[in-house]
Amino acid sequence: MDRLAKSFEFYEHQRSLNKLQFYGLSTWLCFRAKPDEEKIHLSLQKVVELAQQIGGKDHGFRFVQVPMSVMMPEAFVEPWQPYSQNTA
């Protein structure tokens, strides 16, 4: 999360300079992994909360890209990424 925070700080700074409008994450596995898969699973909720801590309510984190197919359906069919928009 520390490295992700530094990345978000960089992106938010670029947004403040009007060099970037939005940003996101493209991952192969972390959003498809089971929550008990330590050092692999990443909580989307925590990522959004981190973006809000760094960039405020109008942060630029807008996109997530994960592979989905018949062989990799986890992001679509598994309840491993609960999300509540009631974050601060």
PDB file of N, CA and C in Angstrom:
ATOM      1  N   MET A   1       0.828  -1.200   0.000  1.00  0.00           N
ATOM      2  CA  MET A   1       0.000   0.000   0.000  1.00  0.00           C
ATOM      3  C   MET A   1       0.868   1.258   0.000  1.00  0.00           C
ATOM      4  N   ASP A   2       2.064   1.166   0.566  1.00  0.00           N
ATOM      5  CA  ASP A   2       2.958   2.330   0.563  1.00  0.00           C
ATOM      6  C   ASP A   2       3.367   2.710  -0.863  1.00  0.00           C
ATOM      7  N   ARG A   3       3.705   1.719  -1.668  1.00  0.00           N
ATOM      8  CA  ARG A   3       4.093   1.998  -3.059  1.00  0.00           C
ATOM      9  C   ARG A   3       2.901   2.518  -3.858  1.00  0.00           C
ATOM     10  N   LEU A   4       1.736   1.973  -3.567  1.00  0.00           N
ATOM     11  CA  LEU A   4       0.531   2.443  -4.249  1.00  0.00           C
ATOM     12  C   LEU A   4       0.237   3.886  -3.853  1.00  0.00           C
ATOM     13  N   ALA A   5       0.434   4.216  -2.571  1.00  0.00           N
ATOM     14  CA  ALA A   5       0.218   5.585  -2.098  1.00  0.00           C
ATOM     15  C   ALA A   5       1.152   6.556  -2.818  1.00  0.00           C
ATOM     16  N   LYS A   6       2.404   6.177  -2.973  1.00  0.00           N
ATOM     17  CA  LYS A   6       3.356   7.044  -3.679  1.00  0.00           C
ATOM     18  C   LYS A   6       2.940   7.246  -5.132  1.00  0.00           C
ATOM     19  N   SER A   7       2.440   6.189  -5.753  1.00  0.00           N
ATOM     20  CA  SER A   7       1.959   6.311  -7.129  1.00  0.00           C
ATOM     21  C   SER A   7       0.765   7.251  -7.204  1.00  0.00           C
ATOM     22  N   PHE A   8      -0.177   7.081  -6.282  1.00  0.00           N
ATOM     23  CA  PHE A   8      -1.355   7.942  -6.270  1.00  0.00           C
ATOM     24  C   PHE A   8      -0.976   9.392  -6.001  1.00  0.00           C
ATOM     25  N   GLU A   9       0.004   9.620  -5.129  1.00  0.00           N
ATOM     26  CA  GLU A   9       0.474  10.984  -4.870  1.00  0.00           C
ATOM     27  C   GLU A   9       1.031  11.603  -6.157  1.00  0.00           C
ATOM     28  N   PHE A  10       1.811  10.817  -6.898  1.00  0.00           N
ATOM     29  CA  PHE A  10       2.356  11.301  -8.169  1.00  0.00           C
ATOM     30  C   PHE A  10       1.227  11.637  -9.139  1.00  0.00           C
ATOM     31  N   TYR A  11       0.265  10.732  -9.280  1.00  0.00           N
ATOM     32  CA  TYR A  11      -0.838  10.955 -10.216  1.00  0.00           C
ATOM     33  C   TYR A  11      -1.694  12.145  -9.810  1.00  0.00           C
ATOM     34  N   GLU A  12      -1.957  12.287  -8.527  1.00  0.00           N
ATOM     35  CA  GLU A  12      -2.753  13.430  -8.072  1.00  0.00           C
ATOM     36  C   GLU A  12      -2.005  14.738  -8.302  1.00  0.00           C
ATOM     37  N   HIS A  13      -0.685  14.703  -8.147  1.00  0.00           N
ATOM     38  CA  HIS A  13       0.107  15.906  -8.443  1.00  0.00           C
ATOM     39  C   HIS A  13       0.012  16.236  -9.935  1.00  0.00           C
ATOM     40  N   GLN A  14       0.113  15.225 -10.779  1.00  0.00           N
ATOM     41  CA  GLN A  14      -0.021  15.451 -12.224  1.00  0.00           C
ATOM     42  C   GLN A  14      -1.408  15.995 -12.565  1.00  0.00           C
ATOM     43  N   ARG A  15      -2.420  15.550 -11.845  1.00  0.00           N
ATOM     44  CA  ARG A  15      -3.766  16.086 -12.056  1.00  0.00           C
ATOM     45  C   ARG A  15      -3.819  17.563 -11.670  1.00  0.00           C
ATOM     46  N   SER A  16      -3.134  17.909 -10.578  1.00  0.00           N
ATOM     47  CA  SER A  16      -3.141  19.314 -10.143  1.00  0.00           C
ATOM     48  C   SER A  16      -2.454  20.222 -11.158  1.00  0.00           C
ATOM     49  N   LEU A  17      -1.561  19.652 -11.970  1.00  0.00           N
ATOM     50  CA  LEU A  17      -0.874  20.402 -13.030  1.00  0.00           C
ATOM     51  C   LEU A  17      -1.626  20.320 -14.358  1.00  0.00           C
ATOM     52  N   ASN A  18      -2.790  19.687 -14.348  1.00  0.00           N
ATOM     53  CA  ASN A  18      -3.603  19.471 -15.553  1.00  0.00           C
ATOM     54  C   ASN A  18      -2.872  18.659 -16.622  1.00  0.00           C
ATOM     55  N   LYS A  19      -2.002  17.771 -16.198  1.00  0.00           N
ATOM     56  CA  LYS A  19      -1.309  16.890 -17.124  1.00  0.00           C
ATOM     57  C   LYS A  19      -1.957  15.515 -17.202  1.00  0.00           C
ATOM     58  N   LEU A  20      -2.893  15.255 -16.311  1.00  0.00           N
ATOM     59  CA  LEU A  20      -3.559  13.961 -16.237  1.00  0.00           C
ATOM     60  C   LEU A  20      -4.972  14.194 -15.746  1.00  0.00           C
ATOM     61  N   GLN A  21      -5.918  13.510 -16.342  1.00  0.00           N
ATOM     62  CA  GLN A  21      -7.310  13.680 -15.901  1.00  0.00           C
ATOM     63  C   GLN A  21      -7.712  12.595 -14.919  1.00  0.00           C
ATOM     64  N   PHE A  22      -7.478  11.332 -15.264  1.00  0.00           N
ATOM     65  CA  PHE A  22      -7.834  10.213 -14.411  1.00  0.00           C
ATOM     66  C   PHE A  22      -6.742   9.155 -14.475  1.00  0.00           C
ATOM     67  N   TYR A  23      -6.793   8.184 -13.564  1.00  0.00           N
ATOM     68  CA  TYR A  23      -5.846   7.078 -13.560  1.00  0.00           C
ATOM     69  C   TYR A  23      -6.545   5.837 -13.012  1.00  0.00           C
ATOM     70  N   GLY A  24      -5.872   4.697 -13.118  1.00  0.00           N
ATOM     71  CA  GLY A  24      -6.466   3.463 -12.645  1.00  0.00           C
ATOM     72  C   GLY A  24      -5.413   2.389 -12.446  1.00  0.00           C
ATOM     73  N   LEU A  25      -5.885   1.182 -12.231  1.00  0.00           N
ATOM     74  CA  LEU A  25      -5.007   0.030 -12.035  1.00  0.00           C
ATOM     75  C   LEU A  25      -5.362  -1.058 -13.038  1.00  0.00           C
ATOM     76  N   SER A  26      -4.347  -1.633 -13.619  1.00  0.00           N
ATOM     77  CA  SER A  26      -4.512  -2.793 -14.476  1.00  0.00           C
ATOM     78  C   SER A  26      -3.746  -3.926 -13.807  1.00  0.00           C
ATOM     79  N   THR A  27      -4.454  -4.984 -13.439  1.00  0.00           N
ATOM     80  CA  THR A  27      -3.815  -6.065 -12.696  1.00  0.00           C
ATOM     81  C   THR A  27      -4.170  -7.411 -13.314  1.00  0.00           C
ATOM     82  N   TRP A  28      -3.288  -8.343 -13.149  1.00  0.00           N
ATOM     83  CA  TRP A  28      -3.544  -9.689 -13.629  1.00  0.00           C
ATOM     84  C   TRP A  28      -4.252 -10.505 -12.558  1.00  0.00           C
ATOM     85  N   LEU A  29      -3.870 -10.331 -11.297  1.00  0.00           N
ATOM     86  CA  LEU A  29      -4.324 -11.270 -10.287  1.00  0.00           C
ATOM     87  C   LEU A  29      -4.912 -10.656  -9.019  1.00  0.00           C
ATOM     88  N   CYS A  30      -4.415  -9.541  -8.561  1.00  0.00           N
ATOM     89  CA  CYS A  30      -4.732  -9.098  -7.195  1.00  0.00           C
ATOM     90  C   CYS A  30      -6.217  -8.868  -6.927  1.00  0.00           C
ATOM     91  N   PHE A  31      -6.993  -8.459  -7.900  1.00  0.00           N
ATOM     92  CA  PHE A  31      -8.431  -8.279  -7.680  1.00  0.00           C
ATOM     93  C   PHE A  31      -9.227  -9.561  -7.934  1.00  0.00           C
ATOM     94  N   ARG A  32      -8.558 -10.599  -8.461  1.00  0.00           N
ATOM     95  CA  ARG A  32      -9.220 -11.880  -8.697  1.00  0.00           C
ATOM     96  C   ARG A  32      -8.887 -12.907  -7.623  1.00  0.00           C
ATOM     97  N   ALA A  33      -7.899 -12.616  -6.777  1.00  0.00           N
ATOM     98  CA  ALA A  33      -7.449 -13.577  -5.765  1.00  0.00           C
ATOM     99  C   ALA A  33      -8.380 -13.591  -4.553  1.00  0.00           C
ATOM    100  N   LYS A  34      -8.452 -14.749  -3.904  1.00  0.00           N
ATOM    101  CA  LYS A  34      -9.241 -14.879  -2.675  1.00  0.00           C
ATOM    102  C   LYS A  34      -8.647 -13.981  -1.598  1.00  0.00           C
ATOM    103  N   PRO A  35      -9.480 -13.443  -0.710  1.00  0.00           N
ATOM    104  CA  PRO A  35      -8.977 -12.560   0.349  1.00  0.00           C
ATOM    105  C   PRO A  35      -7.931 -13.213   1.254  1.00  0.00           C
ATOM    106  N   ASP A  36      -7.964 -14.537   1.401  1.00  0.00           N
ATOM    107  CA  ASP A  36      -6.990 -15.193   2.277  1.00  0.00           C
ATOM    108  C   ASP A  36      -5.656 -15.472   1.575  1.00  0.00           C
ATOM    109  N   GLU A  37      -5.526 -15.079   0.323  1.00  0.00           N
ATOM    110  CA  GLU A  37      -4.265 -15.248  -0.389  1.00  0.00           C
ATOM    111  C   GLU A  37      -3.367 -14.050  -0.088  1.00  0.00           C
ATOM    112  N   GLU A  38      -2.663 -14.180   1.020  1.00  0.00           N
ATOM    113  CA  GLU A  38      -1.824 -13.098   1.529  1.00  0.00           C
ATOM    114  C   GLU A  38      -0.755 -12.691   0.510  1.00  0.00           C
ATOM    115  N   LYS A  39      -0.535 -11.430   0.398  1.00  0.00           N
ATOM    116  CA  LYS A  39       0.427 -10.808  -0.521  1.00  0.00           C
ATOM    117  C   LYS A  39       0.030 -10.949  -1.984  1.00  0.00           C
ATOM    118  N   ILE A  40      -1.191 -11.417  -2.242  1.00  0.00           N
ATOM    119  CA  ILE A  40      -1.691 -11.480  -3.614  1.00  0.00           C
ATOM    120  C   ILE A  40      -2.972 -10.665  -3.728  1.00  0.00           C
ATOM    121  N   HIS A  41      -3.928 -10.930  -2.827  1.00  0.00           N
ATOM    122  CA  HIS A  41      -5.217 -10.235  -2.850  1.00  0.00           C
ATOM    123  C   HIS A  41      -5.040  -8.761  -2.509  1.00  0.00           C
ATOM    124  N   LEU A  42      -5.769  -7.909  -3.211  1.00  0.00           N
ATOM    125  CA  LEU A  42      -5.797  -6.479  -2.914  1.00  0.00           C
ATOM    126  C   LEU A  42      -7.252  -6.051  -2.832  1.00  0.00           C
ATOM    127  N   SER A  43      -7.611  -5.399  -1.753  1.00  0.00           N
ATOM    128  CA  SER A  43      -8.982  -4.950  -1.555  1.00  0.00           C
ATOM    129  C   SER A  43      -9.245  -3.686  -2.370  1.00  0.00           C
ATOM    130  N   LEU A  44     -10.214  -3.776  -3.267  1.00  0.00           N
ATOM    131  CA  LEU A  44     -10.598  -2.600  -4.052  1.00  0.00           C
ATOM    132  C   LEU A  44     -11.115  -1.493  -3.134  1.00  0.00           C
ATOM    133  N   GLN A  45     -11.824  -1.865  -2.095  1.00  0.00           N
ATOM    134  CA  GLN A  45     -12.327  -0.890  -1.125  1.00  0.00           C
ATOM    135  C   GLN A  45     -11.163  -0.095  -0.513  1.00  0.00           C
ATOM    136  N   LYS A  46     -10.105  -0.795  -0.125  1.00  0.00           N
ATOM    137  CA  LYS A  46      -8.953  -0.112   0.476  1.00  0.00           C
ATOM    138  C   LYS A  46      -8.228   0.774  -0.539  1.00  0.00           C
ATOM    139  N   VAL A  47      -8.200   0.340  -1.789  1.00  0.00           N
ATOM    140  CA  VAL A  47      -7.569   1.144  -2.832  1.00  0.00           C
ATOM    141  C   VAL A  47      -8.342   2.448  -3.038  1.00  0.00           C
ATOM    142  N   VAL A  48      -9.664   2.364  -3.068  1.00  0.00           N
ATOM    143  CA  VAL A  48     -10.495   3.563  -3.228  1.00  0.00           C
ATOM    144  C   VAL A  48     -10.328   4.480  -2.010  1.00  0.00           C
ATOM    145  N   GLU A  49     -10.304   3.906  -0.819  1.00  0.00           N
ATOM    146  CA  GLU A  49     -10.106   4.715   0.391  1.00  0.00           C
ATOM    147  C   GLU A  49      -8.748   5.406   0.367  1.00  0.00           C
ATOM    148  N   LEU A  50      -7.723   4.722  -0.112  1.00  0.00           N
ATOM    149  CA  LEU A  50      -6.395   5.325  -0.234  1.00  0.00           C
ATOM    150  C   LEU A  50      -6.427   6.497  -1.211  1.00  0.00           C
ATOM    151  N   ALA A  51      -7.092   6.308  -2.344  1.00  0.00           N
ATOM    152  CA  ALA A  51      -7.216   7.392  -3.321  1.00  0.00           C
ATOM    153  C   ALA A  51      -7.923   8.595  -2.705  1.00  0.00           C
ATOM    154  N   GLN A  52      -8.931   8.346  -1.890  1.00  0.00           N
ATOM    155  CA  GLN A  52      -9.656   9.442  -1.233  1.00  0.00           C
ATOM    156  C   GLN A  52      -8.783  10.139  -0.197  1.00  0.00           C
ATOM    157  N   GLN A  53      -7.977   9.389   0.529  1.00  0.00           N
ATOM    158  CA  GLN A  53      -7.072   9.999   1.508  1.00  0.00           C
ATOM    159  C   GLN A  53      -6.077  10.929   0.827  1.00  0.00           C
ATOM    160  N   ILE A  54      -5.597  10.521  -0.338  1.00  0.00           N
ATOM    161  CA  ILE A  54      -4.571  11.292  -1.030  1.00  0.00           C
ATOM    162  C   ILE A  54      -5.161  12.401  -1.887  1.00  0.00           C
ATOM    163  N   GLY A  55      -6.194  12.097  -2.637  1.00  0.00           N
ATOM    164  CA  GLY A  55      -6.738  13.062  -3.591  1.00  0.00           C
ATOM    165  C   GLY A  55      -8.038  13.712  -3.179  1.00  0.00           C
ATOM    166  N   GLY A  56      -8.553  13.350  -2.014  1.00  0.00           N
ATOM    167  CA  GLY A  56      -9.818  13.916  -1.578  1.00  0.00           C
ATOM    168  C   GLY A  56     -10.995  13.235  -2.251  1.00  0.00           C
ATOM    169  N   LYS A  57     -12.160  13.790  -1.991  1.00  0.00           N
ATOM    170  CA  LYS A  57     -13.384  13.180  -2.509  1.00  0.00           C
ATOM    171  C   LYS A  57     -13.431  13.183  -4.041  1.00  0.00           C
ATOM    172  N   ASP A  58     -12.747  14.124  -4.654  1.00  0.00           N
ATOM    173  CA  ASP A  58     -12.726  14.229  -6.125  1.00  0.00           C
ATOM    174  C   ASP A  58     -11.439  13.629  -6.696  1.00  0.00           C
ATOM    175  N   HIS A  59     -10.940  12.556  -6.095  1.00  0.00           N
ATOM    176  CA  HIS A  59      -9.708  11.905  -6.563  1.00  0.00           C
ATOM    177  C   HIS A  59      -9.873  11.432  -8.012  1.00  0.00           C
ATOM    178  N   GLY A  60      -8.765  11.122  -8.651  1.00  0.00           N
ATOM    179  CA  GLY A  60      -8.796  10.733 -10.053  1.00  0.00           C
ATOM    180  C   GLY A  60      -8.785   9.238 -10.312  1.00  0.00           C
ATOM    181  N   PHE A  61      -8.828   8.423  -9.263  1.00  0.00           N
ATOM    182  CA  PHE A  61      -8.838   6.975  -9.464  1.00  0.00           C
ATOM    183  C   PHE A  61     -10.201   6.559 -10.000  1.00  0.00           C
ATOM    184  N   ARG A  62     -10.239   6.149 -11.263  1.00  0.00           N
ATOM    185  CA  ARG A  62     -11.519   5.858 -11.911  1.00  0.00           C
ATOM    186  C   ARG A  62     -11.607   4.487 -12.563  1.00  0.00           C
ATOM    187  N   PHE A  63     -10.475   3.843 -12.828  1.00  0.00           N
ATOM    188  CA  PHE A  63     -10.519   2.649 -13.661  1.00  0.00           C
ATOM    189  C   PHE A  63      -9.821   1.458 -13.030  1.00  0.00           C
ATOM    190  N   VAL A  64     -10.386   0.287 -13.274  1.00  0.00           N
ATOM    191  CA  VAL A  64      -9.762  -0.979 -12.900  1.00  0.00           C
ATOM    192  C   VAL A  64      -9.877  -1.897 -14.110  1.00  0.00           C
ATOM    193  N   GLN A  65      -8.778  -2.518 -14.467  1.00  0.00           N
ATOM    194  CA  GLN A  65      -8.781  -3.459 -15.577  1.00  0.00           C
ATOM    195  C   GLN A  65      -8.292  -4.804 -15.057  1.00  0.00           C
ATOM    196  N   VAL A  66      -9.120  -5.834 -15.213  1.00  0.00           N
ATOM    197  CA  VAL A  66      -8.755  -7.195 -14.819  1.00  0.00           C
ATOM    198  C   VAL A  66      -9.168  -8.147 -15.937  1.00  0.00           C
ATOM    199  N   PRO A  67      -8.428  -9.234 -16.104  1.00  0.00           N
ATOM    200  CA  PRO A  67      -8.829 -10.193 -17.125  1.00  0.00           C
ATOM    201  C   PRO A  67     -10.070 -10.962 -16.689  1.00  0.00           C
ATOM    202  N   MET A  68     -10.981 -11.152 -17.608  1.00  0.00           N
ATOM    203  CA  MET A  68     -12.165 -11.972 -17.366  1.00  0.00           C
ATOM    204  C   MET A  68     -12.394 -12.841 -18.585  1.00  0.00           C
ATOM    205  N   SER A  69     -12.564 -14.111 -18.339  1.00  0.00           N
ATOM    206  CA  SER A  69     -12.845 -15.049 -19.430  1.00  0.00           C
ATOM    207  C   SER A  69     -13.465 -16.300 -18.820  1.00  0.00           C
ATOM    208  N   VAL A  70     -13.758 -17.258 -19.647  1.00  0.00           N
ATOM    209  CA  VAL A  70     -14.280 -18.527 -19.164  1.00  0.00           C
ATOM    210  C   VAL A  70     -13.271 -19.177 -18.215  1.00  0.00           C
ATOM    211  N   MET A  71     -11.997 -19.005 -18.489  1.00  0.00           N
ATOM    212  CA  MET A  71     -10.943 -19.597 -17.660  1.00  0.00           C
ATOM    213  C   MET A  71     -10.585 -18.733 -16.453  1.00  0.00           C
ATOM    214  N   MET A  72     -10.976 -17.462 -16.457  1.00  0.00           N
ATOM    215  CA  MET A  72     -10.662 -16.542 -15.356  1.00  0.00           C
ATOM    216  C   MET A  72     -11.910 -15.736 -14.986  1.00  0.00           C
ATOM    217  N   PRO A  73     -12.936 -16.377 -14.427  1.00  0.00           N
ATOM    218  CA  PRO A  73     -14.191 -15.681 -14.156  1.00  0.00           C
ATOM    219  C   PRO A  73     -14.268 -15.014 -12.779  1.00  0.00           C
ATOM    220  N   GLU A  74     -13.224 -15.131 -11.960  1.00  0.00           N
ATOM    221  CA  GLU A  74     -13.308 -14.728 -10.554  1.00  0.00           C
ATOM    222  C   GLU A  74     -13.789 -13.297 -10.347  1.00  0.00           C
ATOM    223  N   ALA A  75     -13.285 -12.371 -11.118  1.00  0.00           N
ATOM    224  CA  ALA A  75     -13.651 -10.961 -10.927  1.00  0.00           C
ATOM    225  C   ALA A  75     -15.143 -10.723 -11.153  1.00  0.00           C
ATOM    226  N   PHE A  76     -15.770 -11.608 -11.916  1.00  0.00           N
ATOM    227  CA  PHE A  76     -17.186 -11.452 -12.232  1.00  0.00           C
ATOM    228  C   PHE A  76     -18.103 -12.308 -11.356  1.00  0.00           C
ATOM    229  N   VAL A  77     -17.649 -13.493 -10.972  1.00  0.00           N
ATOM    230  CA  VAL A  77     -18.560 -14.429 -10.308  1.00  0.00           C
ATOM    231  C   VAL A  77     -18.310 -14.631  -8.817  1.00  0.00           C
ATOM    232  N   GLU A  78     -17.164 -14.214  -8.305  1.00  0.00           N
ATOM    233  CA  GLU A  78     -16.853 -14.433  -6.893  1.00  0.00           C
ATOM    234  C   GLU A  78     -17.098 -13.166  -6.070  1.00  0.00           C
ATOM    235  N   PRO A  79     -17.599 -13.329  -4.846  1.00  0.00           N
ATOM    236  CA  PRO A  79     -17.891 -12.160  -3.993  1.00  0.00           C
ATOM    237  C   PRO A  79     -16.679 -11.702  -3.179  1.00  0.00           C
ATOM    238  N   TRP A  80     -15.503 -11.680  -3.795  1.00  0.00           N
ATOM    239  CA  TRP A  80     -14.271 -11.399  -3.072  1.00  0.00           C
ATOM    240  C   TRP A  80     -13.947  -9.916  -2.968  1.00  0.00           C
ATOM    241  N   GLN A  81     -14.720  -9.078  -3.606  1.00  0.00           N
ATOM    242  CA  GLN A  81     -14.451  -7.647  -3.574  1.00  0.00           C
ATOM    243  C   GLN A  81     -15.689  -6.881  -3.118  1.00  0.00           C
ATOM    244  N   PRO A  82     -16.068  -7.022  -1.849  1.00  0.00           N
ATOM    245  CA  PRO A  82     -17.202  -6.209  -1.380  1.00  0.00           C
ATOM    246  C   PRO A  82     -16.822  -4.739  -1.441  1.00  0.00           C
ATOM    247  N   TYR A  83     -17.779  -3.897  -1.740  1.00  0.00           N
ATOM    248  CA  TYR A  83     -17.491  -2.475  -1.879  1.00  0.00           C
ATOM    249  C   TYR A  83     -18.662  -1.663  -1.374  1.00  0.00           C
ATOM    250  N   SER A  84     -18.364  -0.635  -0.601  1.00  0.00           N
ATOM    251  CA  SER A  84     -19.376   0.290  -0.114  1.00  0.00           C
ATOM    252  C   SER A  84     -18.966   1.694  -0.527  1.00  0.00           C
ATOM    253  N   GLN A  85     -19.875   2.430  -1.135  1.00  0.00           N
ATOM    254  CA  GLN A  85     -19.554   3.803  -1.540  1.00  0.00           C
ATOM    255  C   GLN A  85     -19.653   4.770  -0.380  1.00  0.00           C
ATOM    256  N   ASN A  86     -19.933   4.293   0.783  1.00  0.00           N
ATOM    257  CA  ASN A  86     -20.075   5.154   1.967  1.00  0.00           C
ATOM    258  C   ASN A  86     -18.730   5.415   2.626  1.00  0.00           C
ATOM    259  N   THR A  87     -17.683   5.638   1.821  1.00  0.00           N
ATOM    260  CA  THR A  87     -16.366   5.957   2.365  1.00  0.00           C
ATOM    261  C   THR A  87     -16.230   7.460   2.493  1.00  0.00           C
ATOM    262  N   ALA A  88     -15.362   7.859   3.374  1.00  0.00           N
ATOM    263  CA  ALA A  88     -15.167   9.289   3.630  1.00  0.00           C
ATOM    264  C   ALA A  88     -14.382   9.955   2.548  1.00  0.00           C
TER     265      ALA A  88
END
